[in-house]
Structures are given as C-alpha cells and as structure tokens.
Amino acid sequence: DKAEEYLRNQGVENEQYIQDVKKAILSTEMNQGSGAF
C-alpha cells in the first residue's frame, strides 16, 4: 500500500504497473510453519 501511495504521488498513472509492483511485494510473504516456504 505504501508503494502504491508513493507511485501515485509521483504521478504514475499506469494501473497495470502499480498492481504488478504491489503483487511482487505481496509475493515475499513467508510461511513460517511447515510446508512450502
């Protein structure tokens, strides 16, 4: 969300780009339990 806020404040209007950045960040979530990392 902070990345999106920054990009919009910088005048970035490409919605696909903003969503791609957000999805990349969300992909770093780590599973701290068992199973896949």
Full PDB file with SEQRES, HELIX, SHEET, SSBOND, CRYST1, ORIGX, SCALE, CONECT and MASTER records, all heavy atoms in Angstrom:
SEQRES   1 A   37  ASP LYS ALA GLU GLU TYR LEU ARG ASN GLN GLY VAL GLU          
SEQRES   2 A   37  ASN GLU GLN TYR ILE GLN ASP VAL LYS LYS ALA ILE LEU          
SEQRES   3 A   37  SER THR GLU MET ASN GLN GLY SER GLY ALA PHE                  
HELIX    1 AA1 LYS A    2  ASN A    9  1                                   8    
HELIX    2 AA2 GLU A   15  LEU A   26  1                                  12    
CRYST1    1.000    1.000    1.000  90.00  90.00  90.00 P 1           1          
ORIGX1      1.000000  0.000000  0.000000        0.00000                         
ORIGX2      0.000000  1.000000  0.000000        0.00000                         
ORIGX3      0.000000  0.000000  1.000000        0.00000                         
SCALE1      1.000000  0.000000  0.000000        0.00000                         
SCALE2      0.000000  1.000000  0.000000        0.00000                         
SCALE3      0.000000  0.000000  1.000000        0.00000                         
ATOM      1  N   ASP A   1       0.829  -1.208   0.000  1.00  0.00           N  
ATOM      2  CA  ASP A   1       0.000   0.000   0.000  1.00  0.00           C  
ATOM      3  C   ASP A   1       0.866   1.261   0.000  1.00  0.00           C  
ATOM      4  O   ASP A   1       0.535   2.255  -0.658  1.00  0.00           O  
ATOM      5  CB  ASP A   1      -0.925   0.012   1.219  1.00  0.00           C  
ATOM      6  CG  ASP A   1      -2.045  -1.008   1.105  1.00  0.00           C  
ATOM      7  OD1 ASP A   1      -2.310  -1.482  -0.024  1.00  0.00           O  
ATOM      8  OD2 ASP A   1      -2.650  -1.339   2.146  1.00  0.00           O  
ATOM      9  N   LYS A   2       1.971   1.222   0.723  1.00  0.00           N  
ATOM     10  CA  LYS A   2       2.862   2.389   0.761  1.00  0.00           C  
ATOM     11  C   LYS A   2       3.538   2.604  -0.597  1.00  0.00           C  
ATOM     12  O   LYS A   2       3.770   3.751  -1.006  1.00  0.00           O  
ATOM     13  CB  LYS A   2       3.907   2.215   1.867  1.00  0.00           C  
ATOM     14  CG  LYS A   2       3.353   2.403   3.279  1.00  0.00           C  
ATOM     15  CD  LYS A   2       4.445   2.311   4.313  1.00  0.00           C  
ATOM     16  CE  LYS A   2       3.891   2.600   5.710  1.00  0.00           C  
ATOM     17  NZ  LYS A   2       3.431   4.000   5.851  1.00  0.00           N  
ATOM     18  N   ALA A   3       3.843   1.507  -1.285  1.00  0.00           N  
ATOM     19  CA  ALA A   3       4.426   1.616  -2.623  1.00  0.00           C  
ATOM     20  C   ALA A   3       3.420   2.264  -3.571  1.00  0.00           C  
ATOM     21  O   ALA A   3       3.779   3.154  -4.365  1.00  0.00           O  
ATOM     22  CB  ALA A   3       4.836   0.243  -3.142  1.00  0.00           C  
ATOM     23  N   GLU A   4       2.175   1.831  -3.489  1.00  0.00           N  
ATOM     24  CA  GLU A   4       1.126   2.407  -4.344  1.00  0.00           C  
ATOM     25  C   GLU A   4       0.950   3.898  -4.052  1.00  0.00           C  
ATOM     26  O   GLU A   4       0.868   4.720  -4.977  1.00  0.00           O  
ATOM     27  CB  GLU A   4      -0.202   1.687  -4.118  1.00  0.00           C  
ATOM     28  CG  GLU A   4      -1.341   2.289  -4.930  1.00  0.00           C  
ATOM     29  CD  GLU A   4      -2.668   1.582  -4.732  1.00  0.00           C  
ATOM     30  OE1 GLU A   4      -2.749   0.722  -3.828  1.00  0.00           O  
ATOM     31  OE2 GLU A   4      -3.615   1.882  -5.487  1.00  0.00           O  
ATOM     32  N   GLU A   5       0.912   4.248  -2.778  1.00  0.00           N  
ATOM     33  CA  GLU A   5       0.754   5.650  -2.396  1.00  0.00           C  
ATOM     34  C   GLU A   5       1.898   6.500  -2.959  1.00  0.00           C  
ATOM     35  O   GLU A   5       1.674   7.588  -3.498  1.00  0.00           O  
ATOM     36  CB  GLU A   5       0.717   5.770  -0.868  1.00  0.00           C  
ATOM     37  CG  GLU A   5       0.582   7.199  -0.366  1.00  0.00           C  
ATOM     38  CD  GLU A   5       0.604   7.285   1.151  1.00  0.00           C  
ATOM     39  OE1 GLU A   5       0.966   6.280   1.810  1.00  0.00           O  
ATOM     40  OE2 GLU A   5       0.282   8.361   1.689  1.00  0.00           O  
ATOM     41  N   TYR A   6       3.116   5.988  -2.831  1.00  0.00           N  
ATOM     42  CA  TYR A   6       4.275   6.727  -3.341  1.00  0.00           C  
ATOM     43  C   TYR A   6       4.190   6.907  -4.850  1.00  0.00           C  
ATOM     44  O   TYR A   6       4.395   8.017  -5.365  1.00  0.00           O  
ATOM     45  CB  TYR A   6       5.561   6.000  -2.978  1.00  0.00           C  
ATOM     46  CG  TYR A   6       6.791   6.618  -3.606  1.00  0.00           C  
ATOM     47  CD1 TYR A   6       7.421   7.711  -3.022  1.00  0.00           C  
ATOM     48  CD2 TYR A   6       7.318   6.113  -4.800  1.00  0.00           C  
ATOM     49  CE1 TYR A   6       8.535   8.300  -3.602  1.00  0.00           C  
ATOM     50  CE2 TYR A   6       8.439   6.699  -5.386  1.00  0.00           C  
ATOM     51  CZ  TYR A   6       9.038   7.788  -4.790  1.00  0.00           C  
ATOM     52  OH  TYR A   6      10.144   8.360  -5.380  1.00  0.00           O  
ATOM     53  N   LEU A   7       3.887   5.839  -5.572  1.00  0.00           N  
ATOM     54  CA  LEU A   7       3.845   5.904  -7.037  1.00  0.00           C  
ATOM     55  C   LEU A   7       2.765   6.864  -7.523  1.00  0.00           C  
ATOM     56  O   LEU A   7       2.991   7.636  -8.458  1.00  0.00           O  
ATOM     57  CB  LEU A   7       3.611   4.501  -7.611  1.00  0.00           C  
ATOM     58  CG  LEU A   7       4.788   3.529  -7.464  1.00  0.00           C  
ATOM     59  CD1 LEU A   7       4.371   2.119  -7.854  1.00  0.00           C  
ATOM     60  CD2 LEU A   7       5.980   3.982  -8.296  1.00  0.00           C  
ATOM     61  N   ARG A   8       1.609   6.829  -6.882  1.00  0.00           N  
ATOM     62  CA  ARG A   8       0.538   7.748  -7.296  1.00  0.00           C  
ATOM     63  C   ARG A   8       0.925   9.196  -6.991  1.00  0.00           C  
ATOM     64  O   ARG A   8       0.631  10.099  -7.782  1.00  0.00           O  
ATOM     65  CB  ARG A   8      -0.767   7.377  -6.598  1.00  0.00           C  
ATOM     66  CG  ARG A   8      -1.328   6.023  -7.042  1.00  0.00           C  
ATOM     67  CD  ARG A   8      -2.766   5.821  -6.620  1.00  0.00           C  
ATOM     68  NE  ARG A   8      -3.228   4.473  -6.908  1.00  0.00           N  
ATOM     69  CZ  ARG A   8      -3.579   4.016  -8.110  1.00  0.00           C  
ATOM     70  NH1 ARG A   8      -3.523   4.821  -9.160  1.00  0.00           N  
ATOM     71  NH2 ARG A   8      -3.997   2.770  -8.278  1.00  0.00           N  
ATOM     72  N   ASN A   9       1.594   9.417  -5.862  1.00  0.00           N  
ATOM     73  CA  ASN A   9       2.048  10.773  -5.535  1.00  0.00           C  
ATOM     74  C   ASN A   9       3.109  11.269  -6.511  1.00  0.00           C  
ATOM     75  O   ASN A   9       3.270  12.478  -6.700  1.00  0.00           O  
ATOM     76  CB  ASN A   9       2.607  10.817  -4.111  1.00  0.00           C  
ATOM     77  CG  ASN A   9       1.527  10.724  -3.050  1.00  0.00           C  
ATOM     78  OD1 ASN A   9       0.358  11.000  -3.324  1.00  0.00           O  
ATOM     79  ND2 ASN A   9       1.909  10.342  -1.838  1.00  0.00           N  
ATOM     80  N   GLN A  10       3.830  10.317  -7.131  1.00  0.00           N  
ATOM     81  CA  GLN A  10       4.852  10.669  -8.126  1.00  0.00           C  
ATOM     82  C   GLN A  10       4.252  10.834  -9.517  1.00  0.00           C  
ATOM     83  O   GLN A  10       4.981  11.076 -10.480  1.00  0.00           O  
ATOM     84  CB  GLN A  10       5.945   9.602  -8.155  1.00  0.00           C  
ATOM     85  CG  GLN A  10       6.787   9.533  -6.896  1.00  0.00           C  
ATOM     86  CD  GLN A  10       7.533  10.827  -6.625  1.00  0.00           C  
ATOM     87  OE1 GLN A  10       8.252  11.338  -7.482  1.00  0.00           O  
ATOM     88  NE2 GLN A  10       7.371  11.368  -5.418  1.00  0.00           N  
ATOM     89  N   GLY A  11       2.944  10.676  -9.618  1.00  0.00           N  
ATOM     90  CA  GLY A  11       2.273  10.890 -10.897  1.00  0.00           C  
ATOM     91  C   GLY A  11       2.214   9.676 -11.803  1.00  0.00           C  
ATOM     92  O   GLY A  11       1.880   9.801 -12.994  1.00  0.00           O  
ATOM     93  N   VAL A  12       2.534   8.491 -11.273  1.00  0.00           N  
ATOM     94  CA  VAL A  12       2.440   7.272 -12.085  1.00  0.00           C  
ATOM     95  C   VAL A  12       0.967   6.926 -12.266  1.00  0.00           C  
ATOM     96  O   VAL A  12       0.236   6.755 -11.289  1.00  0.00           O  
ATOM     97  CB  VAL A  12       3.191   6.104 -11.414  1.00  0.00           C  
ATOM     98  CG1 VAL A  12       3.006   4.822 -12.225  1.00  0.00           C  
ATOM     99  CG2 VAL A  12       4.666   6.432 -11.273  1.00  0.00           C  
ATOM    100  N   GLU A  13       0.531   6.793 -13.501  1.00  0.00           N  
ATOM    101  CA  GLU A  13      -0.873   6.532 -13.798  1.00  0.00           C  
ATOM    102  C   GLU A  13      -1.110   5.155 -14.401  1.00  0.00           C  
ATOM    103  O   GLU A  13      -2.262   4.759 -14.591  1.00  0.00           O  
ATOM    104  CB  GLU A  13      -1.410   7.606 -14.747  1.00  0.00           C  
ATOM    105  CG  GLU A  13      -1.351   9.021 -14.169  1.00  0.00           C  
ATOM    106  CD  GLU A  13      -1.862  10.059 -15.146  1.00  0.00           C  
ATOM    107  OE1 GLU A  13      -2.058   9.707 -16.333  1.00  0.00           O  
ATOM    108  OE2 GLU A  13      -2.081  11.214 -14.724  1.00  0.00           O  
ATOM    109  N   ASN A  14      -0.044   4.435 -14.693  1.00  0.00           N  
ATOM    110  CA  ASN A  14      -0.180   3.108 -15.297  1.00  0.00           C  
ATOM    111  C   ASN A  14      -0.651   2.124 -14.232  1.00  0.00           C  
ATOM    112  O   ASN A  14       0.115   1.665 -13.391  1.00  0.00           O  
ATOM    113  CB  ASN A  14       1.159   2.663 -15.886  1.00  0.00           C  
ATOM    114  CG  ASN A  14       1.037   1.396 -16.724  1.00  0.00           C  
ATOM    115  OD1 ASN A  14       0.358   0.457 -16.337  1.00  0.00           O  
ATOM    116  ND2 ASN A  14       1.710   1.378 -17.862  1.00  0.00           N  
ATOM    117  N   GLU A  15      -1.943   1.790 -14.289  1.00  0.00           N  
ATOM    118  CA  GLU A  15      -2.548   0.939 -13.271  1.00  0.00           C  
ATOM    119  C   GLU A  15      -1.943  -0.461 -13.255  1.00  0.00           C  
ATOM    120  O   GLU A  15      -1.766  -1.055 -12.193  1.00  0.00           O  
ATOM    121  CB  GLU A  15      -4.061   0.846 -13.493  1.00  0.00           C  
ATOM    122  CG  GLU A  15      -4.829   0.233 -12.333  1.00  0.00           C  
ATOM    123  CD  GLU A  15      -4.734   1.071 -11.060  1.00  0.00           C  
ATOM    124  OE1 GLU A  15      -4.646   2.310 -11.159  1.00  0.00           O  
ATOM    125  OE2 GLU A  15      -4.730   0.464  -9.961  1.00  0.00           O  
ATOM    126  N   GLN A  16      -1.631  -0.986 -14.432  1.00  0.00           N  
ATOM    127  CA  GLN A  16      -1.035  -2.322 -14.507  1.00  0.00           C  
ATOM    128  C   GLN A  16       0.308  -2.346 -13.796  1.00  0.00           C  
ATOM    129  O   GLN A  16       0.627  -3.294 -13.068  1.00  0.00           O  
ATOM    130  CB  GLN A  16      -0.861  -2.746 -15.967  1.00  0.00           C  
ATOM    131  CG  GLN A  16      -0.290  -4.157 -16.145  1.00  0.00           C  
ATOM    132  CD  GLN A  16      -1.218  -5.229 -15.604  1.00  0.00           C  
ATOM    133  OE1 GLN A  16      -2.400  -5.274 -15.975  1.00  0.00           O  
ATOM    134  NE2 GLN A  16      -0.711  -6.079 -14.735  1.00  0.00           N  
ATOM    135  N   TYR A  17       1.081  -1.303 -13.992  1.00  0.00           N  
ATOM    136  CA  TYR A  17       2.392  -1.222 -13.348  1.00  0.00           C  
ATOM    137  C   TYR A  17       2.261  -1.187 -11.833  1.00  0.00           C  
ATOM    138  O   TYR A  17       2.963  -1.920 -11.118  1.00  0.00           O  
ATOM    139  CB  TYR A  17       3.146   0.022 -13.825  1.00  0.00           C  
ATOM    140  CG  TYR A  17       4.463   0.231 -13.120  1.00  0.00           C  
ATOM    141  CD1 TYR A  17       5.578  -0.535 -13.450  1.00  0.00           C  
ATOM    142  CD2 TYR A  17       4.580   1.176 -12.090  1.00  0.00           C  
ATOM    143  CE1 TYR A  17       6.784  -0.362 -12.778  1.00  0.00           C  
ATOM    144  CE2 TYR A  17       5.785   1.353 -11.424  1.00  0.00           C  
ATOM    145  CZ  TYR A  17       6.877   0.576 -11.772  1.00  0.00           C  
ATOM    146  OH  TYR A  17       8.068   0.736 -11.109  1.00  0.00           O  
ATOM    147  N   ILE A  18       1.375  -0.361 -11.333  1.00  0.00           N  
ATOM    148  CA  ILE A  18       1.174  -0.249  -9.880  1.00  0.00           C  
ATOM    149  C   ILE A  18       0.761  -1.592  -9.290  1.00  0.00           C  
ATOM    150  O   ILE A  18       1.279  -2.012  -8.245  1.00  0.00           O  
ATOM    151  CB  ILE A  18       0.119   0.831  -9.566  1.00  0.00           C  
ATOM    152  CG1 ILE A  18       0.653   2.220  -9.945  1.00  0.00           C  
ATOM    153  CG2 ILE A  18      -0.275   0.788  -8.084  1.00  0.00           C  
ATOM    154  CD1 ILE A  18      -0.365   3.336  -9.810  1.00  0.00           C  
ATOM    155  N   GLN A  19      -0.163  -2.282  -9.958  1.00  0.00           N  
ATOM    156  CA  GLN A  19      -0.616  -3.578  -9.452  1.00  0.00           C  
ATOM    157  C   GLN A  19       0.499  -4.626  -9.530  1.00  0.00           C  
ATOM    158  O   GLN A  19       0.602  -5.493  -8.648  1.00  0.00           O  
ATOM    159  CB  GLN A  19      -1.849  -4.040 -10.224  1.00  0.00           C  
ATOM    160  CG  GLN A  19      -3.075  -3.169 -10.021  1.00  0.00           C  
ATOM    161  CD  GLN A  19      -3.406  -2.973  -8.543  1.00  0.00           C  
ATOM    162  OE1 GLN A  19      -3.425  -3.917  -7.769  1.00  0.00           O  
ATOM    163  NE2 GLN A  19      -3.669  -1.726  -8.163  1.00  0.00           N  
ATOM    164  N   ASP A  20       1.326  -4.573 -10.562  1.00  0.00           N  
ATOM    165  CA  ASP A  20       2.440  -5.522 -10.682  1.00  0.00           C  
ATOM    166  C   ASP A  20       3.443  -5.320  -9.544  1.00  0.00           C  
ATOM    167  O   ASP A  20       3.985  -6.283  -8.997  1.00  0.00           O  
ATOM    168  CB  ASP A  20       3.136  -5.368 -12.040  1.00  0.00           C  
ATOM    169  CG  ASP A  20       2.366  -6.028 -13.174  1.00  0.00           C  
ATOM    170  OD1 ASP A  20       1.499  -6.872 -12.893  1.00  0.00           O  
ATOM    171  OD2 ASP A  20       2.636  -5.695 -14.346  1.00  0.00           O  
ATOM    172  N   VAL A  21       3.706  -4.066  -9.208  1.00  0.00           N  
ATOM    173  CA  VAL A  21       4.616  -3.770  -8.093  1.00  0.00           C  
ATOM    174  C   VAL A  21       4.036  -4.299  -6.786  1.00  0.00           C  
ATOM    175  O   VAL A  21       4.733  -4.951  -5.994  1.00  0.00           O  
ATOM    176  CB  VAL A  21       4.870  -2.249  -7.982  1.00  0.00           C  
ATOM    177  CG1 VAL A  21       5.584  -1.916  -6.665  1.00  0.00           C  
ATOM    178  CG2 VAL A  21       5.709  -1.764  -9.162  1.00  0.00           C  
ATOM    179  N   LYS A  22       2.746  -4.048  -6.557  1.00  0.00           N  
ATOM    180  CA  LYS A  22       2.111  -4.497  -5.315  1.00  0.00           C  
ATOM    181  C   LYS A  22       2.112  -6.019  -5.211  1.00  0.00           C  
ATOM    182  O   LYS A  22       2.392  -6.584  -4.140  1.00  0.00           O  
ATOM    183  CB  LYS A  22       0.681  -3.969  -5.238  1.00  0.00           C  
ATOM    184  CG  LYS A  22       0.567  -2.466  -5.079  1.00  0.00           C  
ATOM    185  CD  LYS A  22      -0.880  -2.020  -4.919  1.00  0.00           C  
ATOM    186  CE  LYS A  22      -1.469  -2.479  -3.599  1.00  0.00           C  
ATOM    187  NZ  LYS A  22      -2.834  -1.965  -3.392  1.00  0.00           N  
ATOM    188  N   LYS A  23       1.801  -6.704  -6.313  1.00  0.00           N  
ATOM    189  CA  LYS A  23       1.772  -8.162  -6.295  1.00  0.00           C  
ATOM    190  C   LYS A  23       3.170  -8.744  -6.045  1.00  0.00           C  
ATOM    191  O   LYS A  23       3.309  -9.762  -5.366  1.00  0.00           O  
ATOM    192  CB  LYS A  23       1.208  -8.693  -7.609  1.00  0.00           C  
ATOM    193  CG  LYS A  23      -0.292  -8.472  -7.772  1.00  0.00           C  
ATOM    194  CD  LYS A  23      -0.791  -8.972  -9.115  1.00  0.00           C  
ATOM    195  CE  LYS A  23      -2.286  -8.740  -9.265  1.00  0.00           C  
ATOM    196  NZ  LYS A  23      -2.782  -9.191 -10.599  1.00  0.00           N  
ATOM    197  N   ALA A  24       4.185  -8.098  -6.592  1.00  0.00           N  
ATOM    198  CA  ALA A  24       5.553  -8.560  -6.363  1.00  0.00           C  
ATOM    199  C   ALA A  24       5.900  -8.466  -4.878  1.00  0.00           C  
ATOM    200  O   ALA A  24       6.507  -9.379  -4.302  1.00  0.00           O  
ATOM    201  CB  ALA A  24       6.532  -7.743  -7.196  1.00  0.00           C  
ATOM    202  N   ILE A  25       5.509  -7.370  -4.253  1.00  0.00           N  
ATOM    203  CA  ILE A  25       5.778  -7.192  -2.824  1.00  0.00           C  
ATOM    204  C   ILE A  25       5.030  -8.233  -1.997  1.00  0.00           C  
ATOM    205  O   ILE A  25       5.596  -8.848  -1.082  1.00  0.00           O  
ATOM    206  CB  ILE A  25       5.388  -5.772  -2.374  1.00  0.00           C  
ATOM    207  CG1 ILE A  25       6.304  -4.739  -3.028  1.00  0.00           C  
ATOM    208  CG2 ILE A  25       5.433  -5.651  -0.846  1.00  0.00           C  
ATOM    209  CD1 ILE A  25       5.896  -3.298  -2.793  1.00  0.00           C  
ATOM    210  N   LEU A  26       3.776  -8.469  -2.318  1.00  0.00           N  
ATOM    211  CA  LEU A  26       2.975  -9.456  -1.582  1.00  0.00           C  
ATOM    212  C   LEU A  26       3.547 -10.862  -1.731  1.00  0.00           C  
ATOM    213  O   LEU A  26       3.347 -11.720  -0.863  1.00  0.00           O  
ATOM    214  CB  LEU A  26       1.527  -9.425  -2.074  1.00  0.00           C  
ATOM    215  CG  LEU A  26       0.744  -8.147  -1.755  1.00  0.00           C  
ATOM    216  CD1 LEU A  26      -0.615  -8.174  -2.446  1.00  0.00           C  
ATOM    217  CD2 LEU A  26       0.564  -7.990  -0.246  1.00  0.00           C  
ATOM    218  N   SER A  27       4.273 -11.099  -2.803  1.00  0.00           N  
ATOM    219  CA  SER A  27       4.864 -12.418  -3.059  1.00  0.00           C  
ATOM    220  C   SER A  27       5.984 -12.765  -2.087  1.00  0.00           C  
ATOM    221  O   SER A  27       6.397 -13.920  -2.007  1.00  0.00           O  
ATOM    222  CB  SER A  27       5.407 -12.488  -4.498  1.00  0.00           C  
ATOM    223  OG  SER A  27       4.378 -12.332  -5.449  1.00  0.00           O  
ATOM    224  N   THR A  28       6.484 -11.772  -1.341  1.00  0.00           N  
ATOM    225  CA  THR A  28       7.588 -12.036  -0.423  1.00  0.00           C  
ATOM    226  C   THR A  28       7.119 -12.613   0.904  1.00  0.00           C  
ATOM    227  O   THR A  28       7.948 -12.937   1.771  1.00  0.00           O  
ATOM    228  CB  THR A  28       8.401 -10.757  -0.144  1.00  0.00           C  
ATOM    229  OG1 THR A  28       7.566  -9.785   0.511  1.00  0.00           O  
ATOM    230  CG2 THR A  28       8.935 -10.163  -1.441  1.00  0.00           C  
ATOM    231  N   GLU A  29       5.820 -12.749   1.077  1.00  0.00           N  
ATOM    232  CA  GLU A  29       5.308 -13.321   2.329  1.00  0.00           C  
ATOM    233  C   GLU A  29       5.877 -14.715   2.541  1.00  0.00           C  
ATOM    234  O   GLU A  29       5.867 -15.541   1.629  1.00  0.00           O  
ATOM    235  CB  GLU A  29       3.783 -13.384   2.302  1.00  0.00           C  
ATOM    236  CG  GLU A  29       3.178 -13.937   3.582  1.00  0.00           C  
ATOM    237  CD  GLU A  29       1.661 -13.995   3.535  1.00  0.00           C  
ATOM    238  OE1 GLU A  29       1.077 -13.570   2.508  1.00  0.00           O  
ATOM    239  OE2 GLU A  29       1.061 -14.470   4.511  1.00  0.00           O  
ATOM    240  N   MET A  30       6.361 -14.994   3.741  1.00  0.00           N  
ATOM    241  CA  MET A  30       6.999 -16.268   4.045  1.00  0.00           C  
ATOM    242  C   MET A  30       6.121 -17.107   4.966  1.00  0.00           C  
ATOM    243  O   MET A  30       5.546 -16.591   5.925  1.00  0.00           O  
ATOM    244  CB  MET A  30       8.359 -16.042   4.711  1.00  0.00           C  
ATOM    245  CG  MET A  30       9.323 -15.233   3.887  1.00  0.00           C  
ATOM    246  SD  MET A  30      10.846 -14.881   4.822  1.00  0.00           S  
ATOM    247  CE  MET A  30      11.609 -13.660   3.746  1.00  0.00           C  
ATOM    248  N   ASN A  31       6.049 -18.379   4.670  1.00  0.00           N  
ATOM    249  CA  ASN A  31       5.326 -19.322   5.516  1.00  0.00           C  
ATOM    250  C   ASN A  31       6.243 -19.766   6.646  1.00  0.00           C  
ATOM    251  O   ASN A  31       7.221 -20.462   6.419  1.00  0.00           O  
ATOM    252  CB  ASN A  31       4.873 -20.523   4.677  1.00  0.00           C  
ATOM    253  CG  ASN A  31       4.278 -21.629   5.527  1.00  0.00           C  
ATOM    254  OD1 ASN A  31       3.806 -21.380   6.632  1.00  0.00           O  
ATOM    255  ND2 ASN A  31       4.286 -22.842   5.019  1.00  0.00           N  
ATOM    256  N   GLN A  32       5.934 -19.356   7.852  1.00  0.00           N  
ATOM    257  CA  GLN A  32       6.789 -19.662   8.995  1.00  0.00           C  
ATOM    258  C   GLN A  32       6.503 -21.037   9.595  1.00  0.00           C  
ATOM    259  O   GLN A  32       7.216 -21.492  10.487  1.00  0.00           O  
ATOM    260  CB  GLN A  32       6.602 -18.592  10.081  1.00  0.00           C  
ATOM    261  CG  GLN A  32       6.968 -17.190   9.635  1.00  0.00           C  
ATOM    262  CD  GLN A  32       8.441 -17.026   9.314  1.00  0.00           C  
ATOM    263  OE1 GLN A  32       9.274 -17.791   9.778  1.00  0.00           O  
ATOM    264  NE2 GLN A  32       8.771 -16.019   8.518  1.00  0.00           N  
ATOM    265  N   GLY A  33       5.460 -21.697   9.108  1.00  0.00           N  
ATOM    266  CA  GLY A  33       5.132 -23.022   9.618  1.00  0.00           C  
ATOM    267  C   GLY A  33       5.798 -24.119   8.819  1.00  0.00           C  
ATOM    268  O   GLY A  33       6.927 -23.971   8.356  1.00  0.00           O  
ATOM    269  N   SER A  34       5.091 -25.220   8.627  1.00  0.00           N  
ATOM    270  CA  SER A  34       5.626 -26.312   7.825  1.00  0.00           C  
ATOM    271  C   SER A  34       5.167 -26.167   6.380  1.00  0.00           C  
ATOM    272  O   SER A  34       4.327 -25.331   6.066  1.00  0.00           O  
ATOM    273  CB  SER A  34       5.151 -27.658   8.389  1.00  0.00           C  
ATOM    274  OG  SER A  34       3.735 -27.721   8.371  1.00  0.00           O  
ATOM    275  N   GLY A  35       5.730 -26.973   5.497  1.00  0.00           N  
ATOM    276  CA  GLY A  35       5.340 -26.920   4.093  1.00  0.00           C  
ATOM    277  C   GLY A  35       6.177 -25.940   3.304  1.00  0.00           C  
ATOM    278  O   GLY A  35       7.254 -25.527   3.729  1.00  0.00           O  
ATOM    279  N   ALA A  36       5.670 -25.563   2.140  1.00  0.00           N  
ATOM    280  CA  ALA A  36       6.417 -24.683   1.233  1.00  0.00           C  
ATOM    281  C   ALA A  36       6.760 -23.358   1.907  1.00  0.00           C  
ATOM    282  O   ALA A  36       6.000 -22.841   2.726  1.00  0.00           O  
ATOM    283  CB  ALA A  36       5.612 -24.447  -0.036  1.00  0.00           C  
ATOM    284  N   PHE A  37       7.905 -22.815   1.548  1.00  0.00           N  
ATOM    285  CA  PHE A  37       8.400 -21.571   2.150  1.00  0.00           C  
ATOM    286  C   PHE A  37       7.636 -20.365   1.630  1.00  0.00           C  
ATOM    287  O   PHE A  37       7.137 -19.552   2.404  1.00  0.00           O  
ATOM    288  CB  PHE A  37       9.887 -21.437   1.836  1.00  0.00           C  
ATOM    289  CG  PHE A  37      10.570 -20.315   2.558  1.00  0.00           C  
ATOM    290  CD1 PHE A  37      11.006 -20.474   3.856  1.00  0.00           C  
ATOM    291  CD2 PHE A  37      10.781 -19.093   1.931  1.00  0.00           C  
ATOM    292  CE1 PHE A  37      11.641 -19.438   4.538  1.00  0.00           C  
ATOM    293  CE2 PHE A  37      11.410 -18.059   2.600  1.00  0.00           C  
ATOM    294  CZ  PHE A  37      11.840 -18.228   3.903  1.00  0.00           C  
TER     295      PHE A  37                                                      
MASTER        0    0    0    2    0    0    0    6  294    1    0    3          
END                                                                             
